[in-house]
Amino acid sequence: MSKSDWSAIFDMDGVLVDSSEAHFQAWHRLGMQEGKPFTRELFQLTFGMHNQQIVPLWMEQEVEQTELERLADWKETTYRELVPALMRPIPGVLELLEALHQEGVTMAVGSSGPLPNIQLVLEQLNIAHYFSALSTGEDVRHGKPDPEVFLVAARRLGREPQRCVVLEDAPQGVEAARRGGMAVLGIASSRAEEDLLADRVVTSFEGLLPADLRALLVEDR
């Protein structure tokens, strides 16, 4: 199997796996504990953001770093307890990963989530072997729509950004990929199609081929 001359970078939540209910339930339980409700409306607004961005929006004020970390750690621990029972792979993603692997396309995960969350999901879905690199919220100083998480992923793959296709489900992630100089495929799993200003938007990965992703690369159009 020859190595391809381009790479694919996958966001996790809403792209590899539908774990949104586990995330919401974790935030909701934290809100109940702290006496500050975390609504579904706020969840929709912030889904895909880094916890450093979410907590101040939730609290409606700046939060001291130690307190922010306490809240975020509680939420993520609760998420990891909930996610095995609540998550499921996005339709067609397992077949797409295998097709990309067969074509020698190197792949990375680029997610705002913490490393233990990503490792748990990859292990539960038995897909860790597809990915040559991981870029997480622990590796960056700036959350999406800053492109840092995708640029770190590209660097760890040894690939120039313009030879990468990002797969994203959130407007912040699409913007981050664009700002990083990468092609981007939007998957309308958590947002309406019209909210994703990507190079192409699909509602499912079913039937999607590696050639469909490669066709998004600017140099190959």
N, C-alpha and C. Protein backbone atom coordinates (compact mmCIF):
# COMPACT_ATOMS: atom_id res chain seq x y z
N MET A 1 0.85 -1.20 0.00
CA MET A 1 0.00 0.00 0.00
C MET A 1 0.88 1.24 0.00
N SER A 2 0.75 2.08 -1.01
CA SER A 2 1.57 3.28 -1.10
C SER A 2 0.96 4.39 -0.27
N LYS A 3 1.82 5.28 0.20
CA LYS A 3 1.37 6.40 1.01
C LYS A 3 0.84 7.51 0.11
N SER A 4 -0.30 8.06 0.44
CA SER A 4 -0.90 9.11 -0.36
C SER A 4 -0.18 10.44 -0.14
N ASP A 5 -0.41 11.39 -1.05
CA ASP A 5 0.24 12.70 -0.95
C ASP A 5 -0.66 13.73 -0.28
N TRP A 6 -1.70 13.30 0.41
CA TRP A 6 -2.56 14.21 1.15
C TRP A 6 -3.05 13.50 2.41
N SER A 7 -3.64 14.27 3.31
CA SER A 7 -4.07 13.71 4.59
C SER A 7 -5.47 14.21 4.94
N ALA A 8 -6.12 13.46 5.82
CA ALA A 8 -7.45 13.82 6.31
C ALA A 8 -7.37 14.04 7.82
N ILE A 9 -8.01 15.13 8.28
CA ILE A 9 -8.04 15.45 9.71
C ILE A 9 -9.49 15.48 10.16
N PHE A 10 -9.82 14.61 11.11
CA PHE A 10 -11.19 14.46 11.59
C PHE A 10 -11.39 15.15 12.93
N ASP A 11 -12.39 16.02 13.01
CA ASP A 11 -12.90 16.40 14.31
C ASP A 11 -13.49 15.13 14.93
N MET A 12 -13.76 15.15 16.23
CA MET A 12 -14.30 13.93 16.84
C MET A 12 -15.82 14.00 17.03
N ASP A 13 -16.28 14.86 17.93
CA ASP A 13 -17.71 14.90 18.23
C ASP A 13 -18.50 15.42 17.03
N GLY A 14 -19.46 14.62 16.58
CA GLY A 14 -20.27 14.99 15.43
C GLY A 14 -19.67 14.59 14.10
N VAL A 15 -18.45 14.07 14.12
CA VAL A 15 -17.77 13.66 12.89
C VAL A 15 -17.42 12.17 12.96
N LEU A 16 -16.68 11.79 13.97
CA LEU A 16 -16.41 10.37 14.19
C LEU A 16 -17.54 9.72 14.97
N VAL A 17 -18.06 10.45 15.92
CA VAL A 17 -19.03 9.86 16.84
C VAL A 17 -20.10 10.89 17.21
N ASP A 18 -21.31 10.40 17.39
CA ASP A 18 -22.37 11.23 17.94
C ASP A 18 -22.38 11.00 19.45
N SER A 19 -21.76 11.92 20.16
CA SER A 19 -21.72 11.83 21.63
C SER A 19 -22.30 13.09 22.25
N SER A 20 -23.10 13.81 21.46
CA SER A 20 -23.60 15.10 21.93
C SER A 20 -24.46 14.96 23.19
N GLU A 21 -25.26 13.90 23.27
CA GLU A 21 -26.13 13.75 24.45
C GLU A 21 -25.30 13.52 25.71
N ALA A 22 -24.20 12.78 25.58
CA ALA A 22 -23.33 12.58 26.75
C ALA A 22 -22.71 13.91 27.19
N HIS A 23 -22.29 14.72 26.22
CA HIS A 23 -21.75 16.04 26.57
C HIS A 23 -22.82 16.90 27.25
N PHE A 24 -24.02 16.94 26.66
CA PHE A 24 -25.07 17.79 27.25
C PHE A 24 -25.43 17.32 28.66
N GLN A 25 -25.59 16.00 28.83
CA GLN A 25 -25.95 15.50 30.15
C GLN A 25 -24.88 15.82 31.19
N ALA A 26 -23.61 15.78 30.77
CA ALA A 26 -22.52 16.12 31.70
C ALA A 26 -22.58 17.60 32.08
N TRP A 27 -22.78 18.47 31.10
CA TRP A 27 -22.93 19.91 31.40
C TRP A 27 -24.17 20.16 32.25
N HIS A 28 -25.27 19.49 31.91
CA HIS A 28 -26.52 19.68 32.65
C HIS A 28 -26.34 19.28 34.12
N ARG A 29 -25.69 18.15 34.37
CA ARG A 29 -25.47 17.71 35.75
C ARG A 29 -24.56 18.68 36.49
N LEU A 30 -23.57 19.21 35.79
CA LEU A 30 -22.69 20.20 36.42
C LEU A 30 -23.48 21.46 36.75
N GLY A 31 -24.36 21.87 35.84
CA GLY A 31 -25.18 23.03 36.10
C GLY A 31 -26.08 22.85 37.32
N MET A 32 -26.66 21.66 37.45
CA MET A 32 -27.50 21.37 38.61
C MET A 32 -26.67 21.44 39.89
N GLN A 33 -25.47 20.89 39.84
CA GLN A 33 -24.60 20.88 41.02
C GLN A 33 -24.20 22.29 41.43
N GLU A 34 -23.93 23.14 40.42
CA GLU A 34 -23.43 24.48 40.71
C GLU A 34 -24.54 25.52 40.88
N GLY A 35 -25.81 25.10 40.66
CA GLY A 35 -26.90 26.05 40.78
C GLY A 35 -26.95 27.08 39.67
N LYS A 36 -26.38 26.72 38.52
CA LYS A 36 -26.35 27.61 37.35
C LYS A 36 -26.75 26.75 36.15
N PRO A 37 -28.02 26.77 35.73
CA PRO A 37 -28.47 25.88 34.67
C PRO A 37 -27.65 26.00 33.39
N PHE A 38 -27.39 24.86 32.77
CA PHE A 38 -26.72 24.81 31.47
C PHE A 38 -27.78 24.33 30.47
N THR A 39 -28.29 25.25 29.67
CA THR A 39 -29.44 24.96 28.82
C THR A 39 -29.03 24.31 27.51
N ARG A 40 -29.99 23.70 26.83
CA ARG A 40 -29.73 23.14 25.51
C ARG A 40 -29.38 24.24 24.51
N GLU A 41 -29.97 25.41 24.69
CA GLU A 41 -29.66 26.52 23.80
C GLU A 41 -28.19 26.91 23.92
N LEU A 42 -27.68 26.99 25.13
CA LEU A 42 -26.27 27.30 25.35
C LEU A 42 -25.40 26.18 24.80
N PHE A 43 -25.86 24.95 24.99
CA PHE A 43 -25.10 23.80 24.47
C PHE A 43 -24.96 23.88 22.96
N GLN A 44 -26.05 24.20 22.25
CA GLN A 44 -25.99 24.32 20.80
C GLN A 44 -25.03 25.43 20.38
N LEU A 45 -25.04 26.52 21.12
CA LEU A 45 -24.17 27.65 20.80
C LEU A 45 -22.70 27.31 20.98
N THR A 46 -22.38 26.51 21.99
CA THR A 46 -20.98 26.30 22.37
C THR A 46 -20.41 24.96 21.94
N PHE A 47 -21.25 24.06 21.39
CA PHE A 47 -20.76 22.72 21.03
C PHE A 47 -19.60 22.83 20.05
N GLY A 48 -18.49 22.19 20.40
CA GLY A 48 -17.29 22.24 19.57
C GLY A 48 -16.25 23.21 20.08
N MET A 49 -16.64 24.08 21.01
CA MET A 49 -15.68 25.03 21.58
C MET A 49 -14.84 24.35 22.66
N HIS A 50 -13.75 25.01 23.02
CA HIS A 50 -12.87 24.58 24.11
C HIS A 50 -13.52 24.97 25.43
N ASN A 51 -13.29 24.17 26.46
CA ASN A 51 -13.86 24.47 27.78
C ASN A 51 -13.43 25.84 28.30
N GLN A 52 -12.24 26.28 27.91
CA GLN A 52 -11.77 27.60 28.31
C GLN A 52 -12.69 28.70 27.77
N GLN A 53 -13.35 28.41 26.64
CA GLN A 53 -14.30 29.36 26.07
C GLN A 53 -15.71 29.17 26.64
N ILE A 54 -16.08 27.91 26.88
CA ILE A 54 -17.45 27.59 27.27
C ILE A 54 -17.78 28.08 28.69
N VAL A 55 -16.88 27.81 29.62
CA VAL A 55 -17.19 28.09 31.03
C VAL A 55 -17.49 29.58 31.26
N PRO A 56 -16.68 30.52 30.76
CA PRO A 56 -17.04 31.94 30.97
C PRO A 56 -18.36 32.33 30.33
N LEU A 57 -18.68 31.75 29.16
CA LEU A 57 -19.98 32.03 28.54
C LEU A 57 -21.12 31.53 29.41
N TRP A 58 -20.94 30.35 29.97
CA TRP A 58 -21.95 29.77 30.86
C TRP A 58 -22.11 30.62 32.12
N MET A 59 -21.00 31.00 32.74
CA MET A 59 -21.03 31.75 33.98
C MET A 59 -21.33 33.24 33.77
N GLU A 60 -21.24 33.67 32.51
CA GLU A 60 -21.50 35.07 32.15
C GLU A 60 -20.54 36.02 32.85
N GLN A 61 -19.31 35.55 33.06
CA GLN A 61 -18.27 36.38 33.65
C GLN A 61 -16.93 35.66 33.51
N GLU A 62 -15.86 36.39 33.72
CA GLU A 62 -14.54 35.76 33.74
C GLU A 62 -14.45 34.82 34.93
N VAL A 63 -13.75 33.70 34.74
CA VAL A 63 -13.63 32.69 35.79
C VAL A 63 -12.15 32.46 36.08
N GLU A 64 -11.80 32.48 37.35
CA GLU A 64 -10.41 32.23 37.75
C GLU A 64 -9.97 30.86 37.26
N GLN A 65 -8.72 30.76 36.81
CA GLN A 65 -8.25 29.56 36.12
C GLN A 65 -8.40 28.29 36.94
N THR A 66 -8.10 28.35 38.22
CA THR A 66 -8.23 27.16 39.07
C THR A 66 -9.67 26.69 39.13
N GLU A 67 -10.61 27.63 39.24
CA GLU A 67 -12.03 27.29 39.28
C GLU A 67 -12.49 26.76 37.93
N LEU A 68 -12.01 27.37 36.86
CA LEU A 68 -12.37 26.90 35.52
C LEU A 68 -11.92 25.46 35.33
N GLU A 69 -10.71 25.14 35.75
CA GLU A 69 -10.20 23.78 35.61
C GLU A 69 -11.00 22.80 36.46
N ARG A 70 -11.42 23.23 37.65
CA ARG A 70 -12.24 22.35 38.49
C ARG A 70 -13.55 21.99 37.81
N LEU A 71 -14.21 23.00 37.26
CA LEU A 71 -15.49 22.78 36.59
C LEU A 71 -15.32 21.91 35.35
N ALA A 72 -14.30 22.22 34.55
CA ALA A 72 -14.07 21.47 33.31
C ALA A 72 -13.71 20.02 33.61
N ASP A 73 -12.89 19.80 34.63
CA ASP A 73 -12.49 18.44 34.98
C ASP A 73 -13.70 17.62 35.44
N TRP A 74 -14.58 18.24 36.23
CA TRP A 74 -15.79 17.53 36.68
C TRP A 74 -16.66 17.15 35.51
N LYS A 75 -16.84 18.11 34.59
CA LYS A 75 -17.67 17.84 33.42
C LYS A 75 -17.08 16.71 32.58
N GLU A 76 -15.77 16.74 32.31
CA GLU A 76 -15.16 15.73 31.45
C GLU A 76 -15.15 14.35 32.10
N THR A 77 -14.95 14.30 33.40
CA THR A 77 -15.01 13.01 34.11
C THR A 77 -16.41 12.42 33.99
N THR A 78 -17.42 13.25 34.15
CA THR A 78 -18.80 12.80 34.03
C THR A 78 -19.10 12.35 32.61
N TYR A 79 -18.60 13.11 31.63
CA TYR A 79 -18.78 12.73 30.22
C TYR A 79 -18.22 11.34 29.96
N ARG A 80 -17.02 11.06 30.47
CA ARG A 80 -16.40 9.76 30.22
C ARG A 80 -17.18 8.62 30.88
N GLU A 81 -17.88 8.92 31.96
CA GLU A 81 -18.73 7.90 32.59
C GLU A 81 -19.98 7.63 31.76
N LEU A 82 -20.48 8.66 31.09
CA LEU A 82 -21.72 8.56 30.34
C LEU A 82 -21.55 8.06 28.91
N VAL A 83 -20.44 8.42 28.28
CA VAL A 83 -20.33 8.27 26.82
C VAL A 83 -20.40 6.82 26.32
N PRO A 84 -19.85 5.83 27.01
CA PRO A 84 -19.93 4.47 26.44
C PRO A 84 -21.36 4.01 26.15
N ALA A 85 -22.31 4.42 26.98
CA ALA A 85 -23.70 3.99 26.79
C ALA A 85 -24.46 4.88 25.83
N LEU A 86 -23.99 6.10 25.60
CA LEU A 86 -24.77 7.06 24.84
C LEU A 86 -24.24 7.34 23.44
N MET A 87 -23.00 6.95 23.14
CA MET A 87 -22.43 7.33 21.83
C MET A 87 -22.72 6.28 20.77
N ARG A 88 -22.61 6.74 19.52
CA ARG A 88 -22.68 5.82 18.37
C ARG A 88 -21.87 6.44 17.24
N PRO A 89 -21.28 5.62 16.37
CA PRO A 89 -20.50 6.19 15.26
C PRO A 89 -21.40 6.92 14.28
N ILE A 90 -20.89 7.98 13.67
CA ILE A 90 -21.62 8.69 12.64
C ILE A 90 -21.81 7.75 11.45
N PRO A 91 -23.02 7.66 10.88
CA PRO A 91 -23.26 6.73 9.77
C PRO A 91 -22.25 6.89 8.63
N GLY A 92 -21.65 5.76 8.25
CA GLY A 92 -20.71 5.74 7.13
C GLY A 92 -19.27 6.04 7.49
N VAL A 93 -19.00 6.49 8.73
CA VAL A 93 -17.64 6.91 9.04
C VAL A 93 -16.68 5.72 9.13
N LEU A 94 -17.13 4.57 9.62
CA LEU A 94 -16.24 3.42 9.73
C LEU A 94 -15.81 2.94 8.35
N GLU A 95 -16.74 2.95 7.41
CA GLU A 95 -16.41 2.55 6.04
C GLU A 95 -15.47 3.56 5.39
N LEU A 96 -15.68 4.85 5.66
CA LEU A 96 -14.80 5.88 5.10
C LEU A 96 -13.39 5.76 5.65
N LEU A 97 -13.26 5.53 6.94
CA LEU A 97 -11.93 5.36 7.54
C LEU A 97 -11.19 4.19 6.90
N GLU A 98 -11.88 3.09 6.70
CA GLU A 98 -11.23 1.92 6.10
C GLU A 98 -10.84 2.21 4.65
N ALA A 99 -11.68 2.90 3.91
CA ALA A 99 -11.36 3.22 2.51
C ALA A 99 -10.15 4.15 2.42
N LEU A 100 -10.09 5.14 3.30
CA LEU A 100 -8.94 6.04 3.33
C LEU A 100 -7.67 5.27 3.69
N HIS A 101 -7.79 4.39 4.66
CA HIS A 101 -6.64 3.57 5.08
C HIS A 101 -6.14 2.71 3.92
N GLN A 102 -7.05 2.11 3.19
CA GLN A 102 -6.67 1.25 2.07
C GLN A 102 -5.96 2.04 0.97
N GLU A 103 -6.26 3.32 0.86
CA GLU A 103 -5.61 4.17 -0.14
C GLU A 103 -4.34 4.83 0.36
N GLY A 104 -3.96 4.53 1.59
CA GLY A 104 -2.71 5.07 2.12
C GLY A 104 -2.79 6.51 2.58
N VAL A 105 -4.00 6.99 2.83
CA VAL A 105 -4.18 8.37 3.30
C VAL A 105 -3.90 8.42 4.80
N THR A 106 -2.94 9.24 5.21
CA THR A 106 -2.66 9.39 6.63
C THR A 106 -3.74 10.25 7.27
N MET A 107 -4.07 9.93 8.52
CA MET A 107 -5.20 10.58 9.19
C MET A 107 -4.83 11.01 10.60
N ALA A 108 -5.48 12.08 11.03
CA ALA A 108 -5.31 12.59 12.40
C ALA A 108 -6.67 12.97 12.95
N VAL A 109 -6.75 13.04 14.27
CA VAL A 109 -7.89 13.64 14.94
C VAL A 109 -7.48 15.04 15.38
N GLY A 110 -8.34 16.01 15.09
CA GLY A 110 -8.13 17.38 15.55
C GLY A 110 -9.36 17.82 16.32
N SER A 111 -9.31 17.76 17.64
CA SER A 111 -10.49 17.99 18.47
C SER A 111 -10.18 18.91 19.63
N SER A 112 -11.16 19.72 20.02
CA SER A 112 -11.01 20.60 21.18
C SER A 112 -11.08 19.83 22.50
N GLY A 113 -11.49 18.58 22.45
CA GLY A 113 -11.64 17.79 23.66
C GLY A 113 -10.31 17.39 24.28
N PRO A 114 -10.31 17.01 25.56
CA PRO A 114 -9.09 16.53 26.20
C PRO A 114 -8.70 15.14 25.70
N LEU A 115 -7.42 14.83 25.80
CA LEU A 115 -6.88 13.57 25.29
C LEU A 115 -7.61 12.34 25.85
N PRO A 116 -7.90 12.25 27.15
CA PRO A 116 -8.59 11.04 27.64
C PRO A 116 -9.94 10.80 26.97
N ASN A 117 -10.67 11.88 26.65
CA ASN A 117 -11.95 11.72 25.94
C ASN A 117 -11.74 11.09 24.57
N ILE A 118 -10.76 11.61 23.85
CA ILE A 118 -10.49 11.12 22.50
C ILE A 118 -10.04 9.67 22.54
N GLN A 119 -9.13 9.35 23.45
CA GLN A 119 -8.64 7.98 23.56
C GLN A 119 -9.77 7.02 23.89
N LEU A 120 -10.69 7.44 24.76
CA LEU A 120 -11.81 6.58 25.13
C LEU A 120 -12.70 6.28 23.94
N VAL A 121 -13.04 7.31 23.16
CA VAL A 121 -13.91 7.12 22.01
C VAL A 121 -13.23 6.24 20.96
N LEU A 122 -11.96 6.50 20.67
CA LEU A 122 -11.24 5.70 19.68
C LEU A 122 -11.16 4.24 20.11
N GLU A 123 -10.98 4.04 21.40
CA GLU A 123 -10.91 2.67 21.92
C GLU A 123 -12.28 1.99 21.85
N GLN A 124 -13.33 2.71 22.24
CA GLN A 124 -14.68 2.14 22.24
C GLN A 124 -15.12 1.77 20.82
N LEU A 125 -14.73 2.58 19.83
CA LEU A 125 -15.11 2.32 18.44
C LEU A 125 -14.11 1.41 17.72
N ASN A 126 -12.98 1.10 18.38
CA ASN A 126 -11.92 0.27 17.81
C ASN A 126 -11.38 0.88 16.51
N ILE A 127 -11.07 2.18 16.54
CA ILE A 127 -10.57 2.87 15.35
C ILE A 127 -9.24 3.58 15.59
N ALA A 128 -8.63 3.38 16.75
CA ALA A 128 -7.39 4.10 17.06
C ALA A 128 -6.30 3.82 16.03
N HIS A 129 -6.31 2.61 15.46
CA HIS A 129 -5.23 2.22 14.54
C HIS A 129 -5.25 2.99 13.23
N TYR A 130 -6.35 3.68 12.95
CA TYR A 130 -6.41 4.45 11.70
C TYR A 130 -5.64 5.77 11.79
N PHE A 131 -5.35 6.24 12.98
CA PHE A 131 -4.84 7.60 13.14
C PHE A 131 -3.36 7.62 13.50
N SER A 132 -2.61 8.39 12.70
CA SER A 132 -1.18 8.53 12.92
C SER A 132 -0.86 9.64 13.90
N ALA A 133 -1.81 10.53 14.16
CA ALA A 133 -1.56 11.66 15.04
C ALA A 133 -2.85 12.10 15.71
N LEU A 134 -2.70 12.69 16.89
CA LEU A 134 -3.82 13.29 17.62
C LEU A 134 -3.44 14.71 17.99
N SER A 135 -4.38 15.63 17.84
CA SER A 135 -4.23 17.00 18.29
C SER A 135 -5.45 17.33 19.12
N THR A 136 -5.23 17.72 20.38
CA THR A 136 -6.33 17.85 21.33
C THR A 136 -6.36 19.24 21.95
N GLY A 137 -7.38 19.45 22.77
CA GLY A 137 -7.48 20.71 23.48
C GLY A 137 -6.32 20.95 24.42
N GLU A 138 -5.62 19.89 24.80
CA GLU A 138 -4.47 20.03 25.69
C GLU A 138 -3.21 20.49 24.95
N ASP A 139 -3.25 20.47 23.61
CA ASP A 139 -2.09 20.81 22.81
C ASP A 139 -2.10 22.25 22.32
N VAL A 140 -3.18 22.97 22.59
CA VAL A 140 -3.34 24.31 22.01
C VAL A 140 -3.65 25.34 23.07
N ARG A 141 -3.36 26.59 22.74
CA ARG A 141 -3.68 27.71 23.62
C ARG A 141 -4.98 28.37 23.20
N HIS A 142 -5.37 28.18 21.93
CA HIS A 142 -6.53 28.86 21.39
C HIS A 142 -7.49 27.84 20.79
N GLY A 143 -8.76 27.91 21.19
CA GLY A 143 -9.77 27.01 20.66
C GLY A 143 -10.29 27.48 19.32
N LYS A 144 -11.03 26.59 18.66
CA LYS A 144 -11.68 26.94 17.41
C LYS A 144 -12.62 28.14 17.64
N PRO A 145 -12.68 29.10 16.71
CA PRO A 145 -12.29 29.05 15.30
C PRO A 145 -10.83 29.35 15.00
N ASP A 146 -9.97 29.50 16.03
CA ASP A 146 -8.55 29.58 15.76
C ASP A 146 -8.10 28.25 15.12
N PRO A 147 -7.23 28.28 14.12
CA PRO A 147 -6.85 27.05 13.41
C PRO A 147 -5.80 26.21 14.12
N GLU A 148 -5.37 26.60 15.32
CA GLU A 148 -4.21 25.96 15.95
C GLU A 148 -4.34 24.45 16.04
N VAL A 149 -5.50 23.93 16.45
CA VAL A 149 -5.63 22.48 16.65
C VAL A 149 -5.42 21.72 15.34
N PHE A 150 -5.84 22.29 14.21
CA PHE A 150 -5.65 21.63 12.92
C PHE A 150 -4.22 21.79 12.42
N LEU A 151 -3.61 22.93 12.70
CA LEU A 151 -2.23 23.13 12.29
C LEU A 151 -1.29 22.19 13.05
N VAL A 152 -1.59 21.97 14.33
CA VAL A 152 -0.80 21.00 15.11
C VAL A 152 -0.97 19.61 14.51
N ALA A 153 -2.19 19.24 14.14
CA ALA A 153 -2.44 17.93 13.55
C ALA A 153 -1.67 17.77 12.24
N ALA A 154 -1.71 18.79 11.39
CA ALA A 154 -1.00 18.72 10.11
C ALA A 154 0.50 18.57 10.34
N ARG A 155 1.02 19.33 11.29
CA ARG A 155 2.45 19.25 11.58
C ARG A 155 2.83 17.86 12.08
N ARG A 156 2.01 17.27 12.91
CA ARG A 156 2.31 15.94 13.44
C ARG A 156 2.19 14.85 12.37
N LEU A 157 1.42 15.14 11.33
CA LEU A 157 1.33 14.23 10.19
C LEU A 157 2.48 14.45 9.21
N GLY A 158 3.21 15.56 9.38
CA GLY A 158 4.27 15.91 8.43
C GLY A 158 3.71 16.39 7.11
N ARG A 159 2.56 17.06 7.16
CA ARG A 159 1.86 17.46 5.95
C ARG A 159 1.63 18.97 5.93
N GLU A 160 1.82 19.60 4.77
CA GLU A 160 1.50 21.01 4.61
C GLU A 160 -0.01 21.20 4.72
N PRO A 161 -0.46 22.30 5.32
CA PRO A 161 -1.91 22.51 5.50
C PRO A 161 -2.71 22.42 4.20
N GLN A 162 -2.15 22.93 3.11
CA GLN A 162 -2.90 22.92 1.85
C GLN A 162 -3.07 21.53 1.26
N ARG A 163 -2.40 20.52 1.85
CA ARG A 163 -2.58 19.13 1.41
C ARG A 163 -3.41 18.34 2.42
N CYS A 164 -4.20 19.05 3.21
CA CYS A 164 -5.06 18.42 4.21
C CYS A 164 -6.52 18.75 3.94
N VAL A 165 -7.38 17.76 4.17
CA VAL A 165 -8.83 17.97 4.15
C VAL A 165 -9.34 17.74 5.57
N VAL A 166 -10.02 18.74 6.11
CA VAL A 166 -10.60 18.65 7.44
C VAL A 166 -12.06 18.24 7.32
N LEU A 167 -12.50 17.35 8.20
CA LEU A 167 -13.91 16.94 8.25
C LEU A 167 -14.49 17.49 9.54
N GLU A 168 -15.50 18.35 9.42
CA GLU A 168 -16.04 19.11 10.55
C GLU A 168 -17.56 19.16 10.53
N ASP A 169 -18.14 19.33 11.72
CA ASP A 169 -19.60 19.43 11.82
C ASP A 169 -20.06 20.76 12.38
N ALA A 170 -19.15 21.61 12.84
CA ALA A 170 -19.52 22.85 13.51
C ALA A 170 -18.99 24.07 12.77
N PRO A 171 -19.74 25.17 12.76
CA PRO A 171 -19.27 26.37 12.08
C PRO A 171 -17.90 26.85 12.56
N GLN A 172 -17.65 26.75 13.89
CA GLN A 172 -16.35 27.18 14.41
C GLN A 172 -15.22 26.34 13.84
N GLY A 173 -15.48 25.05 13.67
CA GLY A 173 -14.46 24.16 13.13
C GLY A 173 -14.23 24.39 11.65
N VAL A 174 -15.31 24.65 10.90
CA VAL A 174 -15.16 24.96 9.48
C VAL A 174 -14.33 26.22 9.32
N GLU A 175 -14.63 27.24 10.11
CA GLU A 175 -13.87 28.49 10.04
C GLU A 175 -12.41 28.25 10.41
N ALA A 176 -12.16 27.42 11.42
CA ALA A 176 -10.79 27.13 11.82
C ALA A 176 -10.01 26.47 10.68
N ALA A 177 -10.63 25.51 10.00
CA ALA A 177 -9.96 24.85 8.88
C ALA A 177 -9.65 25.84 7.77
N ARG A 178 -10.60 26.70 7.46
CA ARG A 178 -10.39 27.70 6.40
C ARG A 178 -9.25 28.65 6.78
N ARG A 179 -9.25 29.09 8.03
CA ARG A 179 -8.20 30.01 8.48
C ARG A 179 -6.84 29.34 8.48
N GLY A 180 -6.83 28.02 8.58
CA GLY A 180 -5.56 27.28 8.53
C GLY A 180 -5.11 26.95 7.12
N GLY A 181 -5.89 27.37 6.12
CA GLY A 181 -5.52 27.13 4.72
C GLY A 181 -5.83 25.73 4.24
N MET A 182 -6.79 25.07 4.89
CA MET A 182 -7.12 23.69 4.56
C MET A 182 -8.47 23.60 3.86
N ALA A 183 -8.62 22.59 3.02
CA ALA A 183 -9.94 22.27 2.47
C ALA A 183 -10.79 21.69 3.57
N VAL A 184 -12.12 21.84 3.45
CA VAL A 184 -12.97 21.36 4.54
C VAL A 184 -14.27 20.78 3.99
N LEU A 185 -14.58 19.57 4.49
CA LEU A 185 -15.86 18.91 4.22
C LEU A 185 -16.73 19.07 5.45
N GLY A 186 -17.92 19.63 5.28
CA GLY A 186 -18.85 19.76 6.38
C GLY A 186 -19.80 18.58 6.43
N ILE A 187 -20.05 18.06 7.63
CA ILE A 187 -21.03 16.99 7.82
C ILE A 187 -22.15 17.56 8.69
N ALA A 188 -23.35 17.60 8.15
CA ALA A 188 -24.49 18.21 8.85
C ALA A 188 -25.10 17.22 9.83
N SER A 189 -24.33 16.87 10.85
CA SER A 189 -24.80 15.93 11.87
C SER A 189 -25.33 16.65 13.09
N SER A 190 -24.82 17.85 13.35
CA SER A 190 -25.26 18.60 14.53
C SER A 190 -25.74 19.99 14.18
N ARG A 191 -25.61 20.39 12.93
CA ARG A 191 -26.02 21.71 12.46
C ARG A 191 -26.76 21.57 11.14
N ALA A 192 -27.50 22.60 10.77
CA ALA A 192 -28.16 22.63 9.47
C ALA A 192 -27.11 22.81 8.37
N GLU A 193 -27.39 22.26 7.20
CA GLU A 193 -26.44 22.35 6.09
C GLU A 193 -26.04 23.78 5.80
N GLU A 194 -27.00 24.71 5.84
CA GLU A 194 -26.71 26.09 5.48
C GLU A 194 -25.82 26.80 6.50
N ASP A 195 -25.64 26.20 7.68
CA ASP A 195 -24.76 26.79 8.69
C ASP A 195 -23.29 26.48 8.46
N LEU A 196 -23.02 25.52 7.58
CA LEU A 196 -21.64 25.07 7.36
C LEU A 196 -21.12 25.60 6.03
N LEU A 197 -20.28 26.61 6.10
CA LEU A 197 -19.75 27.24 4.90
C LEU A 197 -18.47 26.53 4.46
N ALA A 198 -18.62 25.25 4.19
CA ALA A 198 -17.49 24.40 3.82
C ALA A 198 -17.36 24.30 2.30
N ASP A 199 -16.28 23.64 1.83
CA ASP A 199 -16.10 23.44 0.39
C ASP A 199 -17.17 22.50 -0.17
N ARG A 200 -17.62 21.59 0.68
CA ARG A 200 -18.74 20.72 0.35
C ARG A 200 -19.40 20.31 1.64
N VAL A 201 -20.72 20.15 1.61
CA VAL A 201 -21.46 19.73 2.80
C VAL A 201 -22.24 18.47 2.46
N VAL A 202 -22.15 17.49 3.35
CA VAL A 202 -22.91 16.25 3.19
C VAL A 202 -23.75 16.02 4.44
N THR A 203 -24.78 15.21 4.31
CA THR A 203 -25.61 14.87 5.46
C THR A 203 -25.24 13.52 6.05
N SER A 204 -24.39 12.78 5.34
CA SER A 204 -23.96 11.46 5.80
C SER A 204 -22.65 11.11 5.08
N PHE A 205 -21.85 10.29 5.71
CA PHE A 205 -20.63 9.80 5.06
C PHE A 205 -20.90 8.58 4.19
N GLU A 206 -22.10 8.07 4.23
CA GLU A 206 -22.41 6.85 3.50
C GLU A 206 -22.22 7.07 1.99
N GLY A 207 -21.42 6.19 1.38
CA GLY A 207 -21.15 6.28 -0.04
C GLY A 207 -20.05 7.25 -0.40
N LEU A 208 -19.50 7.97 0.58
CA LEU A 208 -18.43 8.93 0.30
C LEU A 208 -17.12 8.18 0.06
N LEU A 209 -16.38 8.60 -0.97
CA LEU A 209 -15.13 7.94 -1.35
C LEU A 209 -13.93 8.83 -1.07
N PRO A 210 -12.75 8.25 -0.90
CA PRO A 210 -11.54 9.07 -0.74
C PRO A 210 -11.38 10.09 -1.87
N ALA A 211 -11.74 9.70 -3.10
CA ALA A 211 -11.62 10.64 -4.23
C ALA A 211 -12.50 11.86 -4.04
N ASP A 212 -13.64 11.71 -3.34
CA ASP A 212 -14.51 12.85 -3.08
C ASP A 212 -13.84 13.86 -2.16
N LEU A 213 -13.03 13.38 -1.23
CA LEU A 213 -12.31 14.28 -0.34
C LEU A 213 -11.13 14.92 -1.06
N ARG A 214 -10.38 14.13 -1.79
CA ARG A 214 -9.22 14.66 -2.50
C ARG A 214 -9.63 15.75 -3.48
N ALA A 215 -10.82 15.61 -4.08
CA ALA A 215 -11.30 16.60 -5.05
C ALA A 215 -11.47 17.98 -4.44
N LEU A 216 -11.51 18.07 -3.10
CA LEU A 216 -11.67 19.35 -2.44
C LEU A 216 -10.37 20.13 -2.34
N LEU A 217 -9.24 19.46 -2.48
CA LEU A 217 -7.95 20.13 -2.39
C LEU A 217 -7.82 21.17 -3.51
N VAL A 218 -7.44 22.38 -3.14
CA VAL A 218 -7.36 23.48 -4.10
C VAL A 218 -6.44 23.13 -5.26
N GLU A 219 -5.31 22.52 -4.97
CA GLU A 219 -4.32 22.22 -6.02
C GLU A 219 -4.80 21.14 -6.97
N ASP A 220 -5.84 20.38 -6.55
CA ASP A 220 -6.32 19.28 -7.39
C ASP A 220 -7.61 19.61 -8.14
N ARG A 221 -8.10 20.83 -7.95
CA ARG A 221 -9.36 21.19 -8.61
C ARG A 221 -9.10 21.57 -10.07
